[in-house]
């Protein structure tokens, strides 16, 4: 019998809290959303919530790569997971009073004195210098996830340390990481050819850009924070740069890093 994670944290949800809302509608009890800049709109997310209720109720299939080609990892099966979310489980999750309670929590998003801890939206969560470990108690959540977010975090060491602190001993983290240039260069890996002084000018006063850290750095931080990797799915893309074209800070990148444009990782505390 599958047990849904009771408490879920998402890093960098952006303007849509859809991942957390779906988790709540399928069995989770609490959802924590952490972002650097406030993007979420209550009205937009209320619309998303109402649509998600109907999608879960109708057991709609998961949108596939034809509809969202940039969302990874790709799945082998996009059918509604009836083997995981049984009829009895969904009926229980979608009881009218439960759905209404989640919706009220969303309506009160950002109101500190609302008295409802179902949804907690923390902005700003992380500064350049440090993550706010005090945002959650030790071992407070069962799952921490992100979708193309960790490549934007300036201090990855603090982020992974915070995740290790927050995660329950029986929990897991699930992250899709995008190592491409995000529009800062013509080629997917062109950001690794930009010298540090030019990159600083490009960054300007933006609250975030991309940290340019390669796959190996994430794997190193997972290990140093005592995470055991259970699933590791790299995306291989041929590098467009020779070793001599790399900026000085990235001249020692391994061939593996230079040819890895993305990574999905699922890891647990060891």
C-alpha atoms as a PDB file:
ATOM      1  CA  UNK A   1       0.000   0.000   0.000  1.00  0.00           C
ATOM      2  CA  UNK A   2       1.504   3.320  -1.112  1.00  0.00           C
ATOM      3  CA  UNK A   3       1.520   6.133   1.416  1.00  0.00           C
ATOM      4  CA  UNK A   4       1.509   9.663   0.034  1.00  0.00           C
ATOM      5  CA  UNK A   5       4.168  11.985   1.492  1.00  0.00           C
ATOM      6  CA  UNK A   6       2.333  13.969   4.172  1.00  0.00           C
ATOM      7  CA  UNK A   7       4.470  17.100   4.073  1.00  0.00           C
ATOM      8  CA  UNK A   8       5.964  18.411   0.843  1.00  0.00           C
ATOM      9  CA  UNK A   9       8.325  21.308   0.154  1.00  0.00           C
ATOM     10  CA  UNK A  10       8.948  22.796  -3.287  1.00  0.00           C
ATOM     11  CA  UNK A  11      11.855  25.059  -4.154  1.00  0.00           C
ATOM     12  CA  UNK A  12      11.183  27.802  -6.697  1.00  0.00           C
ATOM     13  CA  UNK A  13       7.547  27.161  -7.665  1.00  0.00           C
ATOM     14  CA  UNK A  14       7.387  30.381  -9.680  1.00  0.00           C
ATOM     15  CA  UNK A  15       3.947  31.716 -10.544  1.00  0.00           C
ATOM     16  CA  UNK A  16       2.200  28.327 -10.334  1.00  0.00           C
ATOM     17  CA  UNK A  17       1.783  26.316  -7.153  1.00  0.00           C
ATOM     18  CA  UNK A  18       0.362  23.477  -9.219  1.00  0.00           C
ATOM     19  CA  UNK A  19       2.799  20.807  -8.014  1.00  0.00           C
ATOM     20  CA  UNK A  20       1.964  21.429  -4.368  1.00  0.00           C
ATOM     21  CA  UNK A  21      -1.755  21.767  -4.996  1.00  0.00           C
ATOM     22  CA  UNK A  22      -1.771  18.456  -6.844  1.00  0.00           C
ATOM     23  CA  UNK A  23       0.076  16.882  -3.913  1.00  0.00           C
ATOM     24  CA  UNK A  24      -2.540  18.187  -1.493  1.00  0.00           C
ATOM     25  CA  UNK A  25      -5.371  16.927  -3.679  1.00  0.00           C
ATOM     26  CA  UNK A  26      -3.820  13.453  -3.812  1.00  0.00           C
ATOM     27  CA  UNK A  27      -3.118  12.970  -0.122  1.00  0.00           C
ATOM     28  CA  UNK A  28      -0.520  15.386   1.248  1.00  0.00           C
ATOM     29  CA  UNK A  29      -1.441  17.379   4.340  1.00  0.00           C
ATOM     30  CA  UNK A  30       0.980  20.306   4.120  1.00  0.00           C
ATOM     31  CA  UNK A  31       2.729  22.109   1.289  1.00  0.00           C
ATOM     32  CA  UNK A  32       5.640  24.520   1.763  1.00  0.00           C
ATOM     33  CA  UNK A  33       6.668  26.713  -1.189  1.00  0.00           C
ATOM     34  CA  UNK A  34      10.033  28.518  -1.052  1.00  0.00           C
ATOM     35  CA  UNK A  35      11.043  31.219  -3.503  1.00  0.00           C
ATOM     36  CA  UNK A  36      13.497  34.093  -3.807  1.00  0.00           C
ATOM     37  CA  UNK A  37      11.032  36.485  -5.448  1.00  0.00           C
ATOM     38  CA  UNK A  38       7.259  36.554  -5.034  1.00  0.00           C
ATOM     39  CA  UNK A  39       5.732  35.295  -8.278  1.00  0.00           C
ATOM     40  CA  UNK A  40       2.539  33.539  -7.181  1.00  0.00           C
ATOM     41  CA  UNK A  41      -0.830  35.175  -7.812  1.00  0.00           C
ATOM     42  CA  UNK A  42      -3.731  34.051  -5.624  1.00  0.00           C
ATOM     43  CA  UNK A  43      -6.284  34.467  -8.383  1.00  0.00           C
ATOM     44  CA  UNK A  44      -4.264  32.535 -10.930  1.00  0.00           C
ATOM     45  CA  UNK A  45      -3.596  29.727  -8.487  1.00  0.00           C
ATOM     46  CA  UNK A  46      -7.248  29.527  -7.454  1.00  0.00           C
ATOM     47  CA  UNK A  47      -8.098  28.997 -11.123  1.00  0.00           C
ATOM     48  CA  UNK A  48      -5.382  26.352 -11.382  1.00  0.00           C
ATOM     49  CA  UNK A  49      -6.670  24.689  -8.213  1.00  0.00           C
ATOM     50  CA  UNK A  50     -10.240  24.422  -9.499  1.00  0.00           C
ATOM     51  CA  UNK A  51      -8.971  22.917 -12.751  1.00  0.00           C
ATOM     52  CA  UNK A  52      -6.778  20.443 -10.867  1.00  0.00           C
ATOM     53  CA  UNK A  53      -9.726  19.288  -8.770  1.00  0.00           C
ATOM     54  CA  UNK A  54     -11.575  18.333 -11.938  1.00  0.00           C
ATOM     55  CA  UNK A  55      -8.523  16.690 -13.490  1.00  0.00           C
ATOM     56  CA  UNK A  56      -7.957  14.518 -10.420  1.00  0.00           C
ATOM     57  CA  UNK A  57     -11.659  13.762 -10.083  1.00  0.00           C
ATOM     58  CA  UNK A  58     -11.840  12.609 -13.706  1.00  0.00           C
ATOM     59  CA  UNK A  59      -8.545  10.681 -13.423  1.00  0.00           C
ATOM     60  CA  UNK A  60      -7.193  12.624 -16.381  1.00  0.00           C
ATOM     61  CA  UNK A  61      -3.970  11.424 -17.970  1.00  0.00           C
ATOM     62  CA  UNK A  62      -0.771  13.330 -17.247  1.00  0.00           C
ATOM     63  CA  UNK A  63       0.144  15.873 -19.967  1.00  0.00           C
ATOM     64  CA  UNK A  64       2.958  14.339 -21.999  1.00  0.00           C
ATOM     65  CA  UNK A  65       6.063  15.568 -23.756  1.00  0.00           C
ATOM     66  CA  UNK A  66       4.015  16.549 -26.806  1.00  0.00           C
ATOM     67  CA  UNK A  67       2.290  19.217 -24.690  1.00  0.00           C
ATOM     68  CA  UNK A  68       5.202  20.102 -22.393  1.00  0.00           C
ATOM     69  CA  UNK A  69       8.383  19.070 -24.253  1.00  0.00           C
ATOM     70  CA  UNK A  70      10.672  20.984 -21.892  1.00  0.00           C
ATOM     71  CA  UNK A  71       9.406  19.304 -18.721  1.00  0.00           C
ATOM     72  CA  UNK A  72      11.648  16.430 -17.712  1.00  0.00           C
ATOM     73  CA  UNK A  73      12.165  13.672 -16.845  1.00  0.00           C
ATOM     74  CA  UNK A  74      10.020  12.091 -19.534  1.00  0.00           C
ATOM     75  CA  UNK A  75       7.814   9.259 -18.279  1.00  0.00           C
ATOM     76  CA  UNK A  76       7.343   5.791 -19.691  1.00  0.00           C
ATOM     77  CA  UNK A  77       3.601   5.990 -19.033  1.00  0.00           C
ATOM     78  CA  UNK A  78       1.473   9.158 -18.888  1.00  0.00           C
ATOM     79  CA  UNK A  79      -1.763   7.464 -17.906  1.00  0.00           C
ATOM     80  CA  UNK A  80      -3.366   8.431 -14.601  1.00  0.00           C
ATOM     81  CA  UNK A  81      -1.552   6.304 -11.967  1.00  0.00           C
ATOM     82  CA  UNK A  82      -4.509   4.229 -10.809  1.00  0.00           C
ATOM     83  CA  UNK A  83      -2.156   1.617  -9.391  1.00  0.00           C
ATOM     84  CA  UNK A  84      -0.807   4.249  -6.982  1.00  0.00           C
ATOM     85  CA  UNK A  85      -3.866   6.454  -6.452  1.00  0.00           C
ATOM     86  CA  UNK A  86      -6.713   4.018  -5.964  1.00  0.00           C
ATOM     87  CA  UNK A  87     -10.381   4.847  -6.347  1.00  0.00           C
ATOM     88  CA  UNK A  88     -10.880   4.675  -2.589  1.00  0.00           C
ATOM     89  CA  UNK A  89      -7.895   6.953  -1.972  1.00  0.00           C
ATOM     90  CA  UNK A  90      -9.044   9.605  -4.469  1.00  0.00           C
ATOM     91  CA  UNK A  91     -12.603   9.613  -3.120  1.00  0.00           C
ATOM     92  CA  UNK A  92     -11.222  10.208   0.365  1.00  0.00           C
ATOM     93  CA  UNK A  93      -8.867  12.961  -0.825  1.00  0.00           C
ATOM     94  CA  UNK A  94     -11.620  14.776  -2.730  1.00  0.00           C
ATOM     95  CA  UNK A  95     -14.177  14.888   0.034  1.00  0.00           C
ATOM     96  CA  UNK A  96     -15.932  18.266  -0.327  1.00  0.00           C
ATOM     97  CA  UNK A  97     -14.902  19.534   3.103  1.00  0.00           C
ATOM     98  CA  UNK A  98     -11.262  18.625   2.436  1.00  0.00           C
ATOM     99  CA  UNK A  99     -11.216  20.339  -0.957  1.00  0.00           C
ATOM    100  CA  UNK A 100     -12.877  23.410   0.568  1.00  0.00           C
ATOM    101  CA  UNK A 101     -10.270  23.534   3.337  1.00  0.00           C
ATOM    102  CA  UNK A 102      -7.390  23.464   0.858  1.00  0.00           C
ATOM    103  CA  UNK A 103      -9.047  26.169  -1.227  1.00  0.00           C
ATOM    104  CA  UNK A 104      -9.491  28.395   1.838  1.00  0.00           C
ATOM    105  CA  UNK A 105      -5.818  27.962   2.660  1.00  0.00           C
ATOM    106  CA  UNK A 106      -4.967  29.076  -0.870  1.00  0.00           C
ATOM    107  CA  UNK A 107      -7.283  32.080  -0.609  1.00  0.00           C
ATOM    108  CA  UNK A 108      -5.458  33.094   2.573  1.00  0.00           C
ATOM    109  CA  UNK A 109      -2.017  32.638   1.052  1.00  0.00           C
ATOM    110  CA  UNK A 110       0.428  35.087   2.569  1.00  0.00           C
ATOM    111  CA  UNK A 111      -1.772  35.990   5.532  1.00  0.00           C
ATOM    112  CA  UNK A 112       0.428  35.197   8.503  1.00  0.00           C
ATOM    113  CA  UNK A 113      -2.449  35.279  10.993  1.00  0.00           C
ATOM    114  CA  UNK A 114      -4.751  33.013   8.993  1.00  0.00           C
ATOM    115  CA  UNK A 115      -4.209  30.157  11.449  1.00  0.00           C
ATOM    116  CA  UNK A 116      -4.070  27.614   8.623  1.00  0.00           C
ATOM    117  CA  UNK A 117      -0.757  25.849   8.018  1.00  0.00           C
ATOM    118  CA  UNK A 118      -1.936  23.757   5.038  1.00  0.00           C
ATOM    119  CA  UNK A 119      -0.044  25.971   2.572  1.00  0.00           C
ATOM    120  CA  UNK A 120       2.951  28.057   3.547  1.00  0.00           C
ATOM    121  CA  UNK A 121       4.503  30.408   0.998  1.00  0.00           C
ATOM    122  CA  UNK A 122       7.944  31.668   2.074  1.00  0.00           C
ATOM    123  CA  UNK A 123       9.434  34.632   0.162  1.00  0.00           C
ATOM    124  CA  UNK A 124      12.255  35.440   0.164  1.00  0.00           C
ATOM    125  CA  UNK A 125      13.619  32.080   1.222  1.00  0.00           C
ATOM    126  CA  UNK A 126      17.253  32.356   0.306  1.00  0.00           C
ATOM    127  CA  UNK A 127      19.741  35.193   0.009  1.00  0.00           C
ATOM    128  CA  UNK A 128      23.059  35.007  -1.790  1.00  0.00           C
ATOM    129  CA  UNK A 129      24.788  34.342   1.529  1.00  0.00           C
ATOM    130  CA  UNK A 130      22.636  31.703   3.171  1.00  0.00           C
ATOM    131  CA  UNK A 131      19.532  29.594   3.217  1.00  0.00           C
ATOM    132  CA  UNK A 132      17.061  30.121   6.032  1.00  0.00           C
ATOM    133  CA  UNK A 133      17.351  26.791   7.836  1.00  0.00           C
ATOM    134  CA  UNK A 134      14.877  28.094  10.417  1.00  0.00           C
ATOM    135  CA  UNK A 135      12.111  28.176   7.799  1.00  0.00           C
ATOM    136  CA  UNK A 136      11.306  24.578   8.761  1.00  0.00           C
ATOM    137  CA  UNK A 137      11.990  22.373  11.761  1.00  0.00           C
ATOM    138  CA  UNK A 138      14.486  19.554  11.518  1.00  0.00           C
ATOM    139  CA  UNK A 139      13.025  16.552   9.644  1.00  0.00           C
ATOM    140  CA  UNK A 140       9.860  18.564   8.961  1.00  0.00           C
ATOM    141  CA  UNK A 141       9.053  17.294   5.446  1.00  0.00           C
ATOM    142  CA  UNK A 142       8.814  13.964   3.658  1.00  0.00           C
ATOM    143  CA  UNK A 143       9.592  15.193   0.154  1.00  0.00           C
ATOM    144  CA  UNK A 144      11.491  18.148  -1.336  1.00  0.00           C
ATOM    145  CA  UNK A 145      11.217  18.780  -5.068  1.00  0.00           C
ATOM    146  CA  UNK A 146      12.087  21.288  -7.763  1.00  0.00           C
ATOM    147  CA  UNK A 147      11.806  21.617 -11.514  1.00  0.00           C
ATOM    148  CA  UNK A 148      14.656  23.512 -13.244  1.00  0.00           C
ATOM    149  CA  UNK A 149      15.401  25.565 -10.124  1.00  0.00           C
ATOM    150  CA  UNK A 150      18.672  24.466  -8.511  1.00  0.00           C
ATOM    151  CA  UNK A 151      20.682  25.864 -11.416  1.00  0.00           C
ATOM    152  CA  UNK A 152      19.513  29.333 -10.283  1.00  0.00           C
ATOM    153  CA  UNK A 153      20.562  29.027  -6.616  1.00  0.00           C
ATOM    154  CA  UNK A 154      23.666  31.079  -5.880  1.00  0.00           C
ATOM    155  CA  UNK A 155      24.768  29.186  -2.776  1.00  0.00           C
ATOM    156  CA  UNK A 156      24.172  25.534  -3.562  1.00  0.00           C
ATOM    157  CA  UNK A 157      26.046  24.334  -0.498  1.00  0.00           C
ATOM    158  CA  UNK A 158      23.597  26.114   1.804  1.00  0.00           C
ATOM    159  CA  UNK A 159      20.626  24.872  -0.221  1.00  0.00           C
ATOM    160  CA  UNK A 160      21.647  21.224   0.012  1.00  0.00           C
ATOM    161  CA  UNK A 161      22.472  21.643   3.702  1.00  0.00           C
ATOM    162  CA  UNK A 162      18.991  23.093   4.327  1.00  0.00           C
ATOM    163  CA  UNK A 163      17.363  20.218   2.464  1.00  0.00           C
ATOM    164  CA  UNK A 164      19.280  17.690   4.538  1.00  0.00           C
ATOM    165  CA  UNK A 165      18.162  19.450   7.731  1.00  0.00           C
ATOM    166  CA  UNK A 166      14.504  19.657   6.724  1.00  0.00           C
ATOM    167  CA  UNK A 167      14.089  16.174   5.285  1.00  0.00           C
ATOM    168  CA  UNK A 168      12.666  13.384   7.405  1.00  0.00           C
ATOM    169  CA  UNK A 169      14.925  10.354   7.750  1.00  0.00           C
ATOM    170  CA  UNK A 170      12.480   8.334   5.625  1.00  0.00           C
ATOM    171  CA  UNK A 171      11.915  11.093   3.060  1.00  0.00           C
ATOM    172  CA  UNK A 172      13.371  11.814  -0.369  1.00  0.00           C
ATOM    173  CA  UNK A 173      14.337  14.687  -2.654  1.00  0.00           C
ATOM    174  CA  UNK A 174      13.445  14.883  -6.337  1.00  0.00           C
ATOM    175  CA  UNK A 175      15.093  17.467  -8.595  1.00  0.00           C
ATOM    176  CA  UNK A 176      15.308  18.135 -12.308  1.00  0.00           C
ATOM    177  CA  UNK A 177      18.305  20.407 -12.973  1.00  0.00           C
ATOM    178  CA  UNK A 178      18.984  22.255 -16.231  1.00  0.00           C
ATOM    179  CA  UNK A 179      22.628  23.061 -17.002  1.00  0.00           C
ATOM    180  CA  UNK A 180      21.972  24.930 -20.268  1.00  0.00           C
ATOM    181  CA  UNK A 181      22.655  28.629 -20.807  1.00  0.00           C
ATOM    182  CA  UNK A 182      19.056  29.857 -20.280  1.00  0.00           C
ATOM    183  CA  UNK A 183      19.328  32.392 -23.070  1.00  0.00           C
ATOM    184  CA  UNK A 184      22.626  33.905 -21.957  1.00  0.00           C
ATOM    185  CA  UNK A 185      24.494  32.591 -25.030  1.00  0.00           C
ATOM    186  CA  UNK A 186      23.827  31.370 -28.557  1.00  0.00           C
ATOM    187  CA  UNK A 187      24.854  27.765 -27.842  1.00  0.00           C
ATOM    188  CA  UNK A 188      23.474  25.639 -25.008  1.00  0.00           C
ATOM    189  CA  UNK A 189      26.841  25.614 -23.217  1.00  0.00           C
ATOM    190  CA  UNK A 190      28.031  29.098 -24.169  1.00  0.00           C
ATOM    191  CA  UNK A 191      27.648  30.398 -20.611  1.00  0.00           C
ATOM    192  CA  UNK A 192      30.780  28.439 -19.649  1.00  0.00           C
ATOM    193  CA  UNK A 193      32.799  30.541 -22.116  1.00  0.00           C
ATOM    194  CA  UNK A 194      31.898  33.900 -20.509  1.00  0.00           C
ATOM    195  CA  UNK A 195      34.694  35.354 -18.319  1.00  0.00           C
ATOM    196  CA  UNK A 196      33.747  36.187 -14.719  1.00  0.00           C
ATOM    197  CA  UNK A 197      33.899  40.014 -15.105  1.00  0.00           C
ATOM    198  CA  UNK A 198      31.567  39.909 -18.127  1.00  0.00           C
ATOM    199  CA  UNK A 199      29.232  37.509 -16.324  1.00  0.00           C
ATOM    200  CA  UNK A 200      29.035  39.911 -13.395  1.00  0.00           C
ATOM    201  CA  UNK A 201      27.933  42.680 -15.760  1.00  0.00           C
ATOM    202  CA  UNK A 202      25.374  40.363 -17.373  1.00  0.00           C
ATOM    203  CA  UNK A 203      23.979  39.474 -13.949  1.00  0.00           C
ATOM    204  CA  UNK A 204      23.645  43.111 -12.957  1.00  0.00           C
ATOM    205  CA  UNK A 205      21.129  43.683 -10.165  1.00  0.00           C
ATOM    206  CA  UNK A 206      19.007  40.618 -10.949  1.00  0.00           C
ATOM    207  CA  UNK A 207      18.008  38.644  -7.851  1.00  0.00           C
ATOM    208  CA  UNK A 208      19.000  35.459  -9.680  1.00  0.00           C
ATOM    209  CA  UNK A 209      20.347  34.252 -13.001  1.00  0.00           C
ATOM    210  CA  UNK A 210      22.078  30.864 -13.289  1.00  0.00           C
ATOM    211  CA  UNK A 211      24.930  29.690 -11.097  1.00  0.00           C
ATOM    212  CA  UNK A 212      26.817  27.894 -13.940  1.00  0.00           C
ATOM    213  CA  UNK A 213      27.606  24.960 -11.640  1.00  0.00           C
ATOM    214  CA  UNK A 214      28.000  21.637 -13.513  1.00  0.00           C
ATOM    215  CA  UNK A 215      26.521  18.217 -12.802  1.00  0.00           C
ATOM    216  CA  UNK A 216      29.509  17.043 -10.763  1.00  0.00           C
ATOM    217  CA  UNK A 217      29.058  19.836  -8.224  1.00  0.00           C
ATOM    218  CA  UNK A 218      25.496  18.743  -7.479  1.00  0.00           C
ATOM    219  CA  UNK A 219      26.596  15.141  -7.099  1.00  0.00           C
ATOM    220  CA  UNK A 220      29.423  16.223  -4.807  1.00  0.00           C
ATOM    221  CA  UNK A 221      27.039  18.212  -2.601  1.00  0.00           C
ATOM    222  CA  UNK A 222      24.603  15.317  -2.441  1.00  0.00           C
ATOM    223  CA  UNK A 223      27.375  13.057  -1.188  1.00  0.00           C
ATOM    224  CA  UNK A 224      28.819  15.581   1.264  1.00  0.00           C
ATOM    225  CA  UNK A 225      25.356  16.137   2.757  1.00  0.00           C
ATOM    226  CA  UNK A 226      24.862  12.393   3.197  1.00  0.00           C
ATOM    227  CA  UNK A 227      22.318  11.787   0.474  1.00  0.00           C
ATOM    228  CA  UNK A 228      22.253   8.473  -1.315  1.00  0.00           C
ATOM    229  CA  UNK A 229      21.317   8.732  -4.985  1.00  0.00           C
ATOM    230  CA  UNK A 230      18.628   6.222  -5.971  1.00  0.00           C
ATOM    231  CA  UNK A 231      17.856   7.513  -9.472  1.00  0.00           C
ATOM    232  CA  UNK A 232      20.300   9.463 -11.627  1.00  0.00           C
ATOM    233  CA  UNK A 233      19.191  10.321 -15.160  1.00  0.00           C
ATOM    234  CA  UNK A 234      21.604  12.679 -16.951  1.00  0.00           C
ATOM    235  CA  UNK A 235      20.783  14.304 -20.277  1.00  0.00           C
ATOM    236  CA  UNK A 236      23.728  14.099 -22.658  1.00  0.00           C
ATOM    237  CA  UNK A 237      24.260  16.842 -25.249  1.00  0.00           C
ATOM    238  CA  UNK A 238      27.468  17.259 -27.230  1.00  0.00           C
ATOM    239  CA  UNK A 239      29.504  20.274 -26.163  1.00  0.00           C
ATOM    240  CA  UNK A 240      29.918  23.056 -28.728  1.00  0.00           C
ATOM    241  CA  UNK A 241      33.113  24.364 -27.086  1.00  0.00           C
ATOM    242  CA  UNK A 242      36.690  23.180 -27.094  1.00  0.00           C
ATOM    243  CA  UNK A 243      38.546  23.110 -23.785  1.00  0.00           C
ATOM    244  CA  UNK A 244      40.468  26.262 -24.754  1.00  0.00           C
ATOM    245  CA  UNK A 245      37.245  28.174 -25.426  1.00  0.00           C
ATOM    246  CA  UNK A 246      36.071  27.760 -21.851  1.00  0.00           C
ATOM    247  CA  UNK A 247      36.427  30.697 -19.464  1.00  0.00           C
ATOM    248  CA  UNK A 248      39.218  30.391 -16.909  1.00  0.00           C
ATOM    249  CA  UNK A 249      36.838  29.369 -14.102  1.00  0.00           C
ATOM    250  CA  UNK A 250      35.588  26.405 -16.151  1.00  0.00           C
ATOM    251  CA  UNK A 251      38.766  25.319 -17.935  1.00  0.00           C
ATOM    252  CA  UNK A 252      38.958  22.208 -15.730  1.00  0.00           C
ATOM    253  CA  UNK A 253      35.434  20.970 -16.484  1.00  0.00           C
ATOM    254  CA  UNK A 254      35.476  17.252 -17.182  1.00  0.00           C
ATOM    255  CA  UNK A 255      34.280  15.852 -20.483  1.00  0.00           C
ATOM    256  CA  UNK A 256      31.311  14.396 -18.610  1.00  0.00           C
ATOM    257  CA  UNK A 257      30.288  17.810 -17.251  1.00  0.00           C
ATOM    258  CA  UNK A 258      30.812  19.525 -20.588  1.00  0.00           C
ATOM    259  CA  UNK A 259      28.462  17.069 -22.277  1.00  0.00           C
ATOM    260  CA  UNK A 260      25.753  16.972 -19.599  1.00  0.00           C
ATOM    261  CA  UNK A 261      22.949  19.477 -20.222  1.00  0.00           C
ATOM    262  CA  UNK A 262      20.541  18.214 -17.577  1.00  0.00           C
ATOM    263  CA  UNK A 263      20.083  15.857 -14.653  1.00  0.00           C
ATOM    264  CA  UNK A 264      17.181  14.246 -12.852  1.00  0.00           C
ATOM    265  CA  UNK A 265      18.098  12.973  -9.410  1.00  0.00           C
ATOM    266  CA  UNK A 266      16.139  11.251  -6.676  1.00  0.00           C
ATOM    267  CA  UNK A 267      18.002  10.818  -3.409  1.00  0.00           C
ATOM    268  CA  UNK A 268      17.402   9.778   0.197  1.00  0.00           C
ATOM    269  CA  UNK A 269      19.213  10.431   3.486  1.00  0.00           C
ATOM    270  CA  UNK A 270      21.874   7.865   4.295  1.00  0.00           C
END
